[in-house]
Amino acid sequence: MKFTIIGLIAVLSAFSTSNLIAVPKITGEPKIVSIKSLLNWPQDFAKQKPNLTEPTANRLNDLHGQIGRCDIVLSTAGNYHMALRELWQVYLKENAKALEIKTWFYTTSPPISPSQTQSNVVQFGNLNLNCRPQVAVGPGKLMKKLIKLGVTDGKPVPVVKNYGNVILVKKGNPKGIKNVWDLAKKDVVLVTPNPTMEAGSFGNFSGTIFNIASNDKSPPKGMTADALFNGIFSGKQTGKWVSGKRIMHREIPWAISSGNADAGVIFYHLALYFKRTFPDKFDIVALGGTVDKPVPMAGNKVGVLKAVRIKGSWTPLQLKAREKLMIALKSTIFSTILKKHGIARP
């Protein structure tokens, strides 16, 4: 299956448009790399027995059930999950007892709220979560979809702004990658989000490669932005481009750590989280500014996430829980948490 740029161009509107140029048509396709041995990510809860978690095989296949009547549910783009995890504990500590919050969940996958608000279900393996989200968080394009579906209650509120993208590489940067031009090296394999399942992130990261190159006033001799882009994304499969299947913020670091890829363009705050979580596995190549103080260079896409209330047949307590969550997302406490994780406010 060939991936085209049709859906990609629409994605650009969700990000800063200064210094941006429409990217060339993509005629190639990535090699899909499957996960056989996963990274051992930190868990939200302290380990207790019995525990069925096993990162290489048992991905909820042996937990069977259906859960309904949730007190609070958040459907969100997952790239700021490390900050949301901290905020959620603050939110529960301040509100769980008073609002009788006992059953809750939030999803940190690529945005699923349009379909989730229509079906009122999320599936994980053999577990069905039959609850409608009270709040959704995502980029501007997602907000437009929700508004068009008629499921929003009030206007979307900007809550999160990133510092653009960087290049994630293996510890020690063995391929000597210093900028986007080095992604053209014959021995460098690039990993991206799946172009179909995560068109938004794919458009952001691939567009960043092209637009940074387009804005470079002193490109390497004989190189152009088109040549760089087409050398990676167009033509017959060369092995230079691989992708995962569904959730890029797990698959990109896995592909690099496992040796299936050498580099991946990704949000600064995600790369920072990967490096902090697995300091012996990853390094970061800045695309503007430094690793400690990123200043996105021309062409490096900067994105904003917005939060919106979702309509539903809510009980008085569910409505209060929804409002408290919106307040938490706009709070000073969350601003402090975001800053710690390399994320800004709009």
C-alpha atoms as a PDB file:
ATOM      1  CA  MET A   1       0.000   0.000   0.000  1.00  0.00           C
ATOM      2  CA  LYS A   2       1.332   3.420  -0.987  1.00  0.00           C
ATOM      3  CA  PHE A   3       1.076   6.386   1.355  1.00  0.00           C
ATOM      4  CA  THR A   4       0.238   9.778  -0.166  1.00  0.00           C
ATOM      5  CA  ILE A   5       0.608  13.261   1.176  1.00  0.00           C
ATOM      6  CA  ILE A   6      -3.118  14.134   0.836  1.00  0.00           C
ATOM      7  CA  GLY A   7      -3.925  13.617   4.514  1.00  0.00           C
ATOM      8  CA  LEU A   8      -0.560  15.013   5.528  1.00  0.00           C
ATOM      9  CA  ILE A   9      -1.150  18.508   4.148  1.00  0.00           C
ATOM     10  CA  ALA A  10      -4.305  18.878   6.237  1.00  0.00           C
ATOM     11  CA  VAL A  11      -2.327  18.047   9.357  1.00  0.00           C
ATOM     12  CA  LEU A  12      -0.030  21.031   8.889  1.00  0.00           C
ATOM     13  CA  SER A  13      -2.790  23.446   9.879  1.00  0.00           C
ATOM     14  CA  ALA A  14      -2.614  22.167  13.455  1.00  0.00           C
ATOM     15  CA  PHE A  15       0.918  23.491  13.832  1.00  0.00           C
ATOM     16  CA  SER A  16       2.825  26.731  13.413  1.00  0.00           C
ATOM     17  CA  THR A  17       2.824  27.631   9.711  1.00  0.00           C
ATOM     18  CA  SER A  18       5.682  30.125   9.579  1.00  0.00           C
ATOM     19  CA  ASN A  19       8.581  29.008   7.373  1.00  0.00           C
ATOM     20  CA  LEU A  20       6.639  25.926   6.278  1.00  0.00           C
ATOM     21  CA  ILE A  21       6.478  24.572   2.724  1.00  0.00           C
ATOM     22  CA  ALA A  22       4.211  21.854   1.352  1.00  0.00           C
ATOM     23  CA  VAL A  23       6.217  18.630   1.347  1.00  0.00           C
ATOM     24  CA  PRO A  24       6.685  16.480  -1.775  1.00  0.00           C
ATOM     25  CA  LYS A  25       4.416  13.557  -2.595  1.00  0.00           C
ATOM     26  CA  ILE A  26       5.404  10.332  -0.867  1.00  0.00           C
ATOM     27  CA  THR A  27       5.585   7.346  -3.216  1.00  0.00           C
ATOM     28  CA  GLY A  28       7.389   4.868  -0.987  1.00  0.00           C
ATOM     29  CA  GLU A  29       6.309   2.876   2.030  1.00  0.00           C
ATOM     30  CA  PRO A  30       7.993   1.911   5.301  1.00  0.00           C
ATOM     31  CA  LYS A  31       9.062  -1.503   6.425  1.00  0.00           C
ATOM     32  CA  ILE A  32       6.875  -2.403   9.417  1.00  0.00           C
ATOM     33  CA  VAL A  33       8.957  -3.577  12.353  1.00  0.00           C
ATOM     34  CA  SER A  34       7.140  -5.752  14.881  1.00  0.00           C
ATOM     35  CA  ILE A  35       7.827  -5.740  18.579  1.00  0.00           C
ATOM     36  CA  LYS A  36       9.251  -8.973  19.969  1.00  0.00           C
ATOM     37  CA  SER A  37      10.935  -7.691  23.114  1.00  0.00           C
ATOM     38  CA  LEU A  38       9.449  -4.543  24.602  1.00  0.00           C
ATOM     39  CA  LEU A  39      11.070  -1.860  26.717  1.00  0.00           C
ATOM     40  CA  ASN A  40      10.183  -2.221  30.380  1.00  0.00           C
ATOM     41  CA  TRP A  41       8.223   1.021  30.877  1.00  0.00           C
ATOM     42  CA  PRO A  42       7.459   2.363  34.381  1.00  0.00           C
ATOM     43  CA  GLN A  43       3.990   1.450  35.661  1.00  0.00           C
ATOM     44  CA  ASP A  44       1.452   3.796  37.246  1.00  0.00           C
ATOM     45  CA  PHE A  45       0.845   1.632  40.317  1.00  0.00           C
ATOM     46  CA  ALA A  46       3.190  -0.063  42.780  1.00  0.00           C
ATOM     47  CA  LYS A  47       3.627  -3.736  41.946  1.00  0.00           C
ATOM     48  CA  GLN A  48       1.329  -6.072  43.844  1.00  0.00           C
ATOM     49  CA  LYS A  49       0.482  -9.770  43.685  1.00  0.00           C
ATOM     50  CA  PRO A  50      -1.017 -11.292  41.651  1.00  0.00           C
ATOM     51  CA  ASN A  51       0.442  -9.392  38.694  1.00  0.00           C
ATOM     52  CA  LEU A  52      -0.121 -10.548  35.102  1.00  0.00           C
ATOM     53  CA  THR A  53       2.057  -7.870  33.477  1.00  0.00           C
ATOM     54  CA  GLU A  54       4.621  -9.316  31.042  1.00  0.00           C
ATOM     55  CA  PRO A  55       5.933  -6.832  28.459  1.00  0.00           C
ATOM     56  CA  THR A  56       7.005  -9.289  25.757  1.00  0.00           C
ATOM     57  CA  ALA A  57       3.886 -11.415  25.330  1.00  0.00           C
ATOM     58  CA  ASN A  58       0.980 -11.053  27.750  1.00  0.00           C
ATOM     59  CA  ARG A  59      -0.553  -7.741  26.648  1.00  0.00           C
ATOM     60  CA  LEU A  60      -3.924  -8.051  28.453  1.00  0.00           C
ATOM     61  CA  ASN A  61      -4.708 -11.357  26.768  1.00  0.00           C
ATOM     62  CA  ASP A  62      -5.328 -12.969  30.145  1.00  0.00           C
ATOM     63  CA  LEU A  63      -7.464 -10.207  31.638  1.00  0.00           C
ATOM     64  CA  HIS A  64     -11.054 -10.619  30.482  1.00  0.00           C
ATOM     65  CA  GLY A  65     -13.886  -8.285  31.372  1.00  0.00           C
ATOM     66  CA  GLN A  66     -16.176  -5.367  30.732  1.00  0.00           C
ATOM     67  CA  ILE A  67     -16.285  -2.191  32.797  1.00  0.00           C
ATOM     68  CA  GLY A  68     -19.072   0.380  32.721  1.00  0.00           C
ATOM     69  CA  ARG A  69     -20.368   3.319  34.776  1.00  0.00           C
ATOM     70  CA  CYS A  70     -17.132   5.266  35.183  1.00  0.00           C
ATOM     71  CA  ASP A  71     -16.911   8.311  37.426  1.00  0.00           C
ATOM     72  CA  ILE A  72     -14.406  10.202  35.253  1.00  0.00           C
ATOM     73  CA  VAL A  73     -12.878   9.371  31.859  1.00  0.00           C
ATOM     74  CA  LEU A  74     -10.358  11.393  29.844  1.00  0.00           C
ATOM     75  CA  SER A  75      -9.626  10.702  26.183  1.00  0.00           C
ATOM     76  CA  THR A  76      -6.363  12.357  25.208  1.00  0.00           C
ATOM     77  CA  ALA A  77      -3.477  12.449  22.793  1.00  0.00           C
ATOM     78  CA  GLY A  78      -0.822  10.528  24.658  1.00  0.00           C
ATOM     79  CA  ASN A  79       2.436  12.343  23.988  1.00  0.00           C
ATOM     80  CA  TYR A  80       2.428  14.214  27.338  1.00  0.00           C
ATOM     81  CA  HIS A  81       1.545  11.109  29.385  1.00  0.00           C
ATOM     82  CA  MET A  82       4.487  11.535  31.754  1.00  0.00           C
ATOM     83  CA  ALA A  83       3.094  14.903  32.919  1.00  0.00           C
ATOM     84  CA  LEU A  84      -0.524  13.760  32.921  1.00  0.00           C
ATOM     85  CA  ARG A  85       0.336  10.851  35.212  1.00  0.00           C
ATOM     86  CA  GLU A  86       1.543  13.294  37.863  1.00  0.00           C
ATOM     87  CA  LEU A  87      -1.430  15.629  37.433  1.00  0.00           C
ATOM     88  CA  TRP A  88      -3.860  12.721  37.692  1.00  0.00           C
ATOM     89  CA  GLN A  89      -2.574  11.782  41.128  1.00  0.00           C
ATOM     90  CA  VAL A  90      -3.031  15.381  42.283  1.00  0.00           C
ATOM     91  CA  TYR A  91      -6.531  15.426  40.784  1.00  0.00           C
ATOM     92  CA  LEU A  92      -7.547  12.218  42.569  1.00  0.00           C
ATOM     93  CA  LYS A  93      -6.036  13.312  45.878  1.00  0.00           C
ATOM     94  CA  GLU A  94      -8.018  16.553  45.788  1.00  0.00           C
ATOM     95  CA  ASN A  95     -11.318  15.227  44.419  1.00  0.00           C
ATOM     96  CA  ALA A  96     -11.752  11.452  44.726  1.00  0.00           C
ATOM     97  CA  LYS A  97     -13.308  11.415  48.182  1.00  0.00           C
ATOM     98  CA  ALA A  98     -15.617  14.411  47.787  1.00  0.00           C
ATOM     99  CA  LEU A  99     -16.839  13.369  44.328  1.00  0.00           C
ATOM    100  CA  GLU A 100     -16.889   9.618  45.089  1.00  0.00           C
ATOM    101  CA  ILE A 101     -14.469   8.831  42.255  1.00  0.00           C
ATOM    102  CA  LYS A 102     -13.769   5.105  42.368  1.00  0.00           C
ATOM    103  CA  THR A 103     -13.851   3.968  38.740  1.00  0.00           C
ATOM    104  CA  TRP A 104     -11.823   5.972  36.244  1.00  0.00           C
ATOM    105  CA  PHE A 105      -9.451   5.685  33.314  1.00  0.00           C
ATOM    106  CA  TYR A 106      -7.687   7.798  30.728  1.00  0.00           C
ATOM    107  CA  THR A 107      -6.197   6.760  27.396  1.00  0.00           C
ATOM    108  CA  THR A 108      -2.783   7.989  26.229  1.00  0.00           C
ATOM    109  CA  SER A 109      -2.797   6.484  22.758  1.00  0.00           C
ATOM    110  CA  PRO A 110      -2.954   8.459  19.510  1.00  0.00           C
ATOM    111  CA  PRO A 111      -6.204  10.492  19.688  1.00  0.00           C
ATOM    112  CA  ILE A 112      -9.298   8.264  19.574  1.00  0.00           C
ATOM    113  CA  SER A 113     -11.972  10.590  20.977  1.00  0.00           C
ATOM    114  CA  PRO A 114     -14.079  11.001  17.778  1.00  0.00           C
ATOM    115  CA  SER A 115     -14.758   7.271  17.527  1.00  0.00           C
ATOM    116  CA  GLN A 116     -14.793   6.873  21.307  1.00  0.00           C
ATOM    117  CA  THR A 117     -17.587   9.428  21.690  1.00  0.00           C
ATOM    118  CA  GLN A 118     -19.614   7.573  19.055  1.00  0.00           C
ATOM    119  CA  SER A 119     -19.164   4.017  20.338  1.00  0.00           C
ATOM    120  CA  ASN A 120     -18.650   4.765  24.058  1.00  0.00           C
ATOM    121  CA  VAL A 121     -16.134   1.929  24.263  1.00  0.00           C
ATOM    122  CA  VAL A 122     -12.374   1.348  24.278  1.00  0.00           C
ATOM    123  CA  GLN A 123     -10.926  -2.120  23.782  1.00  0.00           C
ATOM    124  CA  PHE A 124      -7.635  -3.379  25.228  1.00  0.00           C
ATOM    125  CA  GLY A 125      -7.063  -7.028  24.441  1.00  0.00           C
ATOM    126  CA  ASN A 126      -9.896  -8.934  26.086  1.00  0.00           C
ATOM    127  CA  LEU A 127     -11.000  -5.975  28.215  1.00  0.00           C
ATOM    128  CA  ASN A 128     -13.871  -3.687  27.171  1.00  0.00           C
ATOM    129  CA  LEU A 129     -14.189  -0.271  28.812  1.00  0.00           C
ATOM    130  CA  ASN A 130     -17.749   0.858  28.129  1.00  0.00           C
ATOM    131  CA  CYS A 131     -17.571   4.459  29.300  1.00  0.00           C
ATOM    132  CA  ARG A 132     -17.989   7.778  27.520  1.00  0.00           C
ATOM    133  CA  PRO A 133     -15.231  10.377  28.090  1.00  0.00           C
ATOM    134  CA  GLN A 134     -16.219  13.582  29.875  1.00  0.00           C
ATOM    135  CA  VAL A 135     -13.172  15.451  28.569  1.00  0.00           C
ATOM    136  CA  ALA A 136     -11.086  15.141  25.393  1.00  0.00           C
ATOM    137  CA  VAL A 137      -7.630  16.585  24.703  1.00  0.00           C
ATOM    138  CA  GLY A 138      -6.001  16.811  21.287  1.00  0.00           C
ATOM    139  CA  PRO A 139      -4.717  19.067  18.491  1.00  0.00           C
ATOM    140  CA  GLY A 140      -6.834  21.621  16.664  1.00  0.00           C
ATOM    141  CA  LYS A 141      -7.741  19.248  13.850  1.00  0.00           C
ATOM    142  CA  LEU A 142      -9.185  16.786  16.361  1.00  0.00           C
ATOM    143  CA  MET A 143     -11.190  19.551  18.037  1.00  0.00           C
ATOM    144  CA  LYS A 144     -12.743  20.411  14.666  1.00  0.00           C
ATOM    145  CA  LYS A 145     -13.816  16.783  14.227  1.00  0.00           C
ATOM    146  CA  LEU A 146     -15.438  16.707  17.655  1.00  0.00           C
ATOM    147  CA  ILE A 147     -17.235  19.999  17.036  1.00  0.00           C
ATOM    148  CA  LYS A 148     -18.495  18.704  13.683  1.00  0.00           C
ATOM    149  CA  LEU A 149     -19.826  15.581  15.426  1.00  0.00           C
ATOM    150  CA  GLY A 150     -21.780  17.827  17.793  1.00  0.00           C
ATOM    151  CA  VAL A 151     -20.369  16.226  20.942  1.00  0.00           C
ATOM    152  CA  THR A 152     -18.557  19.208  22.483  1.00  0.00           C
ATOM    153  CA  ASP A 153     -19.875  21.294  25.363  1.00  0.00           C
ATOM    154  CA  GLY A 154     -18.283  24.741  25.178  1.00  0.00           C
ATOM    155  CA  LYS A 155     -15.176  25.937  23.371  1.00  0.00           C
ATOM    156  CA  PRO A 156     -11.830  24.082  23.338  1.00  0.00           C
ATOM    157  CA  VAL A 157      -9.204  25.537  25.680  1.00  0.00           C
ATOM    158  CA  PRO A 158      -5.453  25.480  24.815  1.00  0.00           C
ATOM    159  CA  VAL A 159      -3.585  23.633  27.582  1.00  0.00           C
ATOM    160  CA  VAL A 160      -0.275  22.268  26.253  1.00  0.00           C
ATOM    161  CA  LYS A 161       2.401  23.566  23.866  1.00  0.00           C
ATOM    162  CA  ASN A 162       5.511  21.640  22.881  1.00  0.00           C
ATOM    163  CA  TYR A 163       9.040  22.782  22.034  1.00  0.00           C
ATOM    164  CA  GLY A 164       9.055  21.237  18.593  1.00  0.00           C
ATOM    165  CA  ASN A 165      10.998  18.148  17.596  1.00  0.00           C
ATOM    166  CA  VAL A 166      14.452  16.649  18.048  1.00  0.00           C
ATOM    167  CA  ILE A 167      16.250  13.572  16.739  1.00  0.00           C
ATOM    168  CA  LEU A 168      16.307  10.578  19.082  1.00  0.00           C
ATOM    169  CA  VAL A 169      19.366   8.343  18.617  1.00  0.00           C
ATOM    170  CA  LYS A 170      20.972   5.385  20.325  1.00  0.00           C
ATOM    171  CA  LYS A 171      23.217   6.109  23.320  1.00  0.00           C
ATOM    172  CA  GLY A 172      26.546   7.493  22.164  1.00  0.00           C
ATOM    173  CA  ASN A 173      25.100   8.446  18.761  1.00  0.00           C
ATOM    174  CA  PRO A 174      27.103   5.739  16.933  1.00  0.00           C
ATOM    175  CA  LYS A 175      26.102   7.004  13.464  1.00  0.00           C
ATOM    176  CA  GLY A 176      27.281  10.549  14.250  1.00  0.00           C
ATOM    177  CA  ILE A 177      23.946  12.190  13.432  1.00  0.00           C
ATOM    178  CA  LYS A 178      24.134  15.973  13.915  1.00  0.00           C
ATOM    179  CA  ASN A 179      21.216  17.336  11.868  1.00  0.00           C
ATOM    180  CA  VAL A 180      18.392  16.350   9.496  1.00  0.00           C
ATOM    181  CA  TRP A 181      20.821  16.105   6.566  1.00  0.00           C
ATOM    182  CA  ASP A 182      22.567  13.198   8.256  1.00  0.00           C
ATOM    183  CA  LEU A 183      19.337  11.217   7.987  1.00  0.00           C
ATOM    184  CA  ALA A 184      20.245  10.847   4.290  1.00  0.00           C
ATOM    185  CA  LYS A 185      23.344   8.782   5.093  1.00  0.00           C
ATOM    186  CA  LYS A 186      23.192   5.369   3.447  1.00  0.00           C
ATOM    187  CA  ASP A 187      23.755   3.538   6.724  1.00  0.00           C
ATOM    188  CA  VAL A 188      21.112   5.483   8.695  1.00  0.00           C
ATOM    189  CA  VAL A 189      17.657   3.921   9.142  1.00  0.00           C
ATOM    190  CA  LEU A 190      14.862   6.309  10.155  1.00  0.00           C
ATOM    191  CA  VAL A 191      11.829   5.206  12.193  1.00  0.00           C
ATOM    192  CA  THR A 192       8.563   7.173  11.993  1.00  0.00           C
ATOM    193  CA  PRO A 193       4.996   6.821  13.236  1.00  0.00           C
ATOM    194  CA  ASN A 194       2.804   4.659  11.034  1.00  0.00           C
ATOM    195  CA  PRO A 195       1.735   6.934   8.130  1.00  0.00           C
ATOM    196  CA  THR A 196      -1.825   5.574   8.136  1.00  0.00           C
ATOM    197  CA  MET A 197      -2.600   4.923  11.803  1.00  0.00           C
ATOM    198  CA  GLU A 198      -0.823   8.053  13.099  1.00  0.00           C
ATOM    199  CA  ALA A 199      -1.056  10.449  10.177  1.00  0.00           C
ATOM    200  CA  GLY A 200      -0.892  13.494  12.455  1.00  0.00           C
ATOM    201  CA  SER A 201       2.404  12.644  14.135  1.00  0.00           C
ATOM    202  CA  PHE A 202       3.838  11.299  10.885  1.00  0.00           C
ATOM    203  CA  GLY A 203       2.967  14.549   9.122  1.00  0.00           C
ATOM    204  CA  ASN A 204       4.527  16.571  11.917  1.00  0.00           C
ATOM    205  CA  PHE A 205       7.809  14.662  12.054  1.00  0.00           C
ATOM    206  CA  SER A 206       8.307  14.121   8.310  1.00  0.00           C
ATOM    207  CA  GLY A 207       7.248  17.716   7.645  1.00  0.00           C
ATOM    208  CA  THR A 208       9.819  18.914  10.160  1.00  0.00           C
ATOM    209  CA  ILE A 209      12.583  17.087   8.277  1.00  0.00           C
ATOM    210  CA  PHE A 210      11.575  18.664   4.971  1.00  0.00           C
ATOM    211  CA  ASN A 211      10.939  22.168   6.269  1.00  0.00           C
ATOM    212  CA  ILE A 212      14.116  22.419   8.342  1.00  0.00           C
ATOM    213  CA  ALA A 213      16.057  21.395   5.241  1.00  0.00           C
ATOM    214  CA  SER A 214      14.101  23.875   3.095  1.00  0.00           C
ATOM    215  CA  ASN A 215      14.936  26.716   5.487  1.00  0.00           C
ATOM    216  CA  ASP A 216      18.645  25.861   5.682  1.00  0.00           C
ATOM    217  CA  LYS A 217      20.576  28.616   3.864  1.00  0.00           C
ATOM    218  CA  SER A 218      23.743  26.510   3.716  1.00  0.00           C
ATOM    219  CA  PRO A 219      22.772  22.925   2.838  1.00  0.00           C
ATOM    220  CA  PRO A 220      25.473  20.299   2.255  1.00  0.00           C
ATOM    221  CA  LYS A 221      26.992  20.422  -1.216  1.00  0.00           C
ATOM    222  CA  GLY A 222      24.763  18.750  -3.784  1.00  0.00           C
ATOM    223  CA  MET A 223      21.857  18.323  -1.346  1.00  0.00           C
ATOM    224  CA  THR A 224      18.349  19.796  -1.445  1.00  0.00           C
ATOM    225  CA  ALA A 225      15.308  19.384   0.770  1.00  0.00           C
ATOM    226  CA  ASP A 226      13.573  17.428  -1.993  1.00  0.00           C
ATOM    227  CA  ALA A 227      16.522  15.077  -2.404  1.00  0.00           C
ATOM    228  CA  LEU A 228      16.662  14.465   1.346  1.00  0.00           C
ATOM    229  CA  PHE A 229      12.923  13.853   1.644  1.00  0.00           C
ATOM    230  CA  ASN A 230      12.616  11.678  -1.453  1.00  0.00           C
ATOM    231  CA  GLY A 231      15.678   9.664  -0.499  1.00  0.00           C
ATOM    232  CA  ILE A 232      13.894   8.588   2.668  1.00  0.00           C
ATOM    233  CA  PHE A 233      10.216   8.463   1.786  1.00  0.00           C
ATOM    234  CA  SER A 234       9.919   7.840  -1.954  1.00  0.00           C
ATOM    235  CA  GLY A 235      10.752   5.135  -4.447  1.00  0.00           C
ATOM    236  CA  LYS A 236      11.195   1.432  -3.865  1.00  0.00           C
ATOM    237  CA  GLN A 237      11.789   0.038  -0.393  1.00  0.00           C
ATOM    238  CA  THR A 238      15.420   0.700   0.452  1.00  0.00           C
ATOM    239  CA  GLY A 239      15.372  -0.220   4.117  1.00  0.00           C
ATOM    240  CA  LYS A 240      16.013   3.391   5.151  1.00  0.00           C
ATOM    241  CA  TRP A 241      12.496   3.908   6.468  1.00  0.00           C
ATOM    242  CA  VAL A 242      10.732   1.762   9.067  1.00  0.00           C
ATOM    243  CA  SER A 243       7.651   2.354  11.196  1.00  0.00           C
ATOM    244  CA  GLY A 244       5.619   0.759  13.937  1.00  0.00           C
ATOM    245  CA  LYS A 245       1.971  -0.241  13.733  1.00  0.00           C
ATOM    246  CA  ARG A 246      -0.015   1.899  16.176  1.00  0.00           C
ATOM    247  CA  ILE A 247       1.540   3.875  19.073  1.00  0.00           C
ATOM    248  CA  MET A 248       4.641   5.833  18.116  1.00  0.00           C
ATOM    249  CA  HIS A 249       5.681   6.931  21.611  1.00  0.00           C
ATOM    250  CA  ARG A 250       6.345   3.271  22.455  1.00  0.00           C
ATOM    251  CA  GLU A 251       7.423   2.019  19.021  1.00  0.00           C
ATOM    252  CA  ILE A 252       9.983   4.674  18.042  1.00  0.00           C
ATOM    253  CA  PRO A 253      12.180   4.226  21.147  1.00  0.00           C
ATOM    254  CA  TRP A 254      11.826   0.450  20.893  1.00  0.00           C
ATOM    255  CA  ALA A 255      12.927   0.434  17.235  1.00  0.00           C
ATOM    256  CA  ILE A 256      16.044   2.443  18.097  1.00  0.00           C
ATOM    257  CA  SER A 257      16.960   0.526  21.256  1.00  0.00           C
ATOM    258  CA  SER A 258      16.464  -2.838  19.520  1.00  0.00           C
ATOM    259  CA  GLY A 259      18.642  -1.923  16.531  1.00  0.00           C
ATOM    260  CA  ASN A 260      15.819  -1.845  13.981  1.00  0.00           C
ATOM    261  CA  ALA A 261      16.444   1.880  13.443  1.00  0.00           C
ATOM    262  CA  ASP A 262      19.192   4.426  14.069  1.00  0.00           C
ATOM    263  CA  ALA A 263      17.172   7.614  14.518  1.00  0.00           C
ATOM    264  CA  GLY A 264      13.696   9.048  14.845  1.00  0.00           C
ATOM    265  CA  VAL A 265      12.394  12.612  14.747  1.00  0.00           C
ATOM    266  CA  ILE A 266      10.052  13.049  17.695  1.00  0.00           C
ATOM    267  CA  PHE A 267       8.655  15.631  20.143  1.00  0.00           C
ATOM    268  CA  TYR A 268      11.336  17.126  22.389  1.00  0.00           C
ATOM    269  CA  HIS A 269       9.487  16.255  25.602  1.00  0.00           C
ATOM    270  CA  LEU A 270       9.070  12.617  24.577  1.00  0.00           C
ATOM    271  CA  ALA A 271      12.758  12.300  23.741  1.00  0.00           C
ATOM    272  CA  LEU A 272      13.586  13.887  27.101  1.00  0.00           C
ATOM    273  CA  TYR A 273      11.353  11.357  28.863  1.00  0.00           C
ATOM    274  CA  PHE A 274      12.952   8.442  26.997  1.00  0.00           C
ATOM    275  CA  LYS A 275      16.452   9.620  27.913  1.00  0.00           C
ATOM    276  CA  ARG A 276      15.525  10.146  31.565  1.00  0.00           C
ATOM    277  CA  THR A 277      13.758   6.779  31.774  1.00  0.00           C
ATOM    278  CA  PHE A 278      16.418   4.798  29.893  1.00  0.00           C
ATOM    279  CA  PRO A 279      19.637   6.853  30.284  1.00  0.00           C
ATOM    280  CA  ASP A 280      21.794   3.978  29.042  1.00  0.00           C
ATOM    281  CA  LYS A 281      19.837   3.595  25.792  1.00  0.00           C
ATOM    282  CA  PHE A 282      19.212   7.037  24.251  1.00  0.00           C
ATOM    283  CA  ASP A 283      20.709  10.415  23.369  1.00  0.00           C
ATOM    284  CA  ILE A 284      19.148  13.530  21.830  1.00  0.00           C
ATOM    285  CA  VAL A 285      20.212  15.672  18.872  1.00  0.00           C
ATOM    286  CA  ALA A 286      18.718  19.175  19.183  1.00  0.00           C
ATOM    287  CA  LEU A 287      16.994  20.833  16.225  1.00  0.00           C
ATOM    288  CA  GLY A 288      17.427  24.394  17.435  1.00  0.00           C
ATOM    289  CA  GLY A 289      18.829  25.599  20.743  1.00  0.00           C
ATOM    290  CA  THR A 290      20.291  22.910  22.992  1.00  0.00           C
ATOM    291  CA  VAL A 291      19.022  19.737  24.623  1.00  0.00           C
ATOM    292  CA  ASP A 292      18.641  21.633  27.904  1.00  0.00           C
ATOM    293  CA  LYS A 293      17.185  24.786  26.325  1.00  0.00           C
ATOM    294  CA  PRO A 294      15.410  23.953  23.066  1.00  0.00           C
ATOM    295  CA  VAL A 295      14.610  26.799  20.667  1.00  0.00           C
ATOM    296  CA  PRO A 296      12.962  25.266  17.578  1.00  0.00           C
ATOM    297  CA  MET A 297      14.753  26.338  14.391  1.00  0.00           C
ATOM    298  CA  ALA A 298      12.885  27.531  11.293  1.00  0.00           C
ATOM    299  CA  GLY A 299      10.757  24.703   9.929  1.00  0.00           C
ATOM    300  CA  ASN A 300      10.627  22.775  13.213  1.00  0.00           C
ATOM    301  CA  LYS A 301       6.937  22.262  13.901  1.00  0.00           C
ATOM    302  CA  VAL A 302       5.485  23.397  17.226  1.00  0.00           C
ATOM    303  CA  GLY A 303       2.120  21.976  18.262  1.00  0.00           C
ATOM    304  CA  VAL A 304      -0.638  22.896  20.722  1.00  0.00           C
ATOM    305  CA  LEU A 305      -3.130  20.573  22.424  1.00  0.00           C
ATOM    306  CA  LYS A 306      -6.571  21.747  23.510  1.00  0.00           C
ATOM    307  CA  ALA A 307      -9.070  20.408  26.056  1.00  0.00           C
ATOM    308  CA  VAL A 308     -12.837  20.355  25.616  1.00  0.00           C
ATOM    309  CA  ARG A 309     -15.826  19.138  27.608  1.00  0.00           C
ATOM    310  CA  ILE A 310     -17.861  16.323  26.032  1.00  0.00           C
ATOM    311  CA  LYS A 311     -21.658  16.191  26.111  1.00  0.00           C
ATOM    312  CA  GLY A 312     -23.345  13.243  27.802  1.00  0.00           C
ATOM    313  CA  SER A 313     -26.072  12.098  30.170  1.00  0.00           C
ATOM    314  CA  TRP A 314     -23.937  12.947  33.144  1.00  0.00           C
ATOM    315  CA  THR A 315     -24.901  12.705  36.802  1.00  0.00           C
ATOM    316  CA  PRO A 316     -24.315  15.742  39.043  1.00  0.00           C
ATOM    317  CA  LEU A 317     -21.152  14.111  40.425  1.00  0.00           C
ATOM    318  CA  GLN A 318     -19.837  13.313  36.944  1.00  0.00           C
ATOM    319  CA  LEU A 319     -20.388  16.929  35.912  1.00  0.00           C
ATOM    320  CA  LYS A 320     -18.485  18.139  38.966  1.00  0.00           C
ATOM    321  CA  ALA A 321     -15.673  15.678  38.244  1.00  0.00           C
ATOM    322  CA  ARG A 322     -15.524  16.947  34.661  1.00  0.00           C
ATOM    323  CA  GLU A 323     -15.293  20.559  35.779  1.00  0.00           C
ATOM    324  CA  LYS A 324     -12.604  19.795  38.353  1.00  0.00           C
ATOM    325  CA  LEU A 325     -10.561  18.059  35.644  1.00  0.00           C
ATOM    326  CA  MET A 326     -10.812  21.081  33.342  1.00  0.00           C
ATOM    327  CA  ILE A 327      -9.673  23.275  36.235  1.00  0.00           C
ATOM    328  CA  ALA A 328      -6.751  20.914  36.905  1.00  0.00           C
ATOM    329  CA  LEU A 329      -5.655  21.036  33.256  1.00  0.00           C
ATOM    330  CA  LYS A 330      -5.479  24.847  33.480  1.00  0.00           C
ATOM    331  CA  SER A 331      -3.929  24.969  36.970  1.00  0.00           C
ATOM    332  CA  THR A 332      -0.627  26.412  38.148  1.00  0.00           C
ATOM    333  CA  ILE A 333       0.266  22.977  39.497  1.00  0.00           C
ATOM    334  CA  PHE A 334       0.002  21.517  36.000  1.00  0.00           C
ATOM    335  CA  SER A 335       2.125  24.350  34.610  1.00  0.00           C
ATOM    336  CA  THR A 336       4.874  23.381  37.065  1.00  0.00           C
ATOM    337  CA  ILE A 337       4.576  19.701  36.139  1.00  0.00           C
ATOM    338  CA  LEU A 338       4.708  20.491  32.419  1.00  0.00           C
ATOM    339  CA  LYS A 339       7.832  22.628  32.818  1.00  0.00           C
ATOM    340  CA  LYS A 340       9.608  19.790  34.620  1.00  0.00           C
ATOM    341  CA  HIS A 341       8.952  17.534  31.639  1.00  0.00           C
ATOM    342  CA  GLY A 342      10.047  19.988  28.954  1.00  0.00           C
ATOM    343  CA  ILE A 343       6.567  21.168  27.965  1.00  0.00           C
ATOM    344  CA  ALA A 344       5.211  24.724  27.826  1.00  0.00           C
ATOM    345  CA  ARG A 345       1.871  26.476  28.081  1.00  0.00           C
ATOM    346  CA  PRO A 346       0.313  28.030  24.924  1.00  0.00           C
END
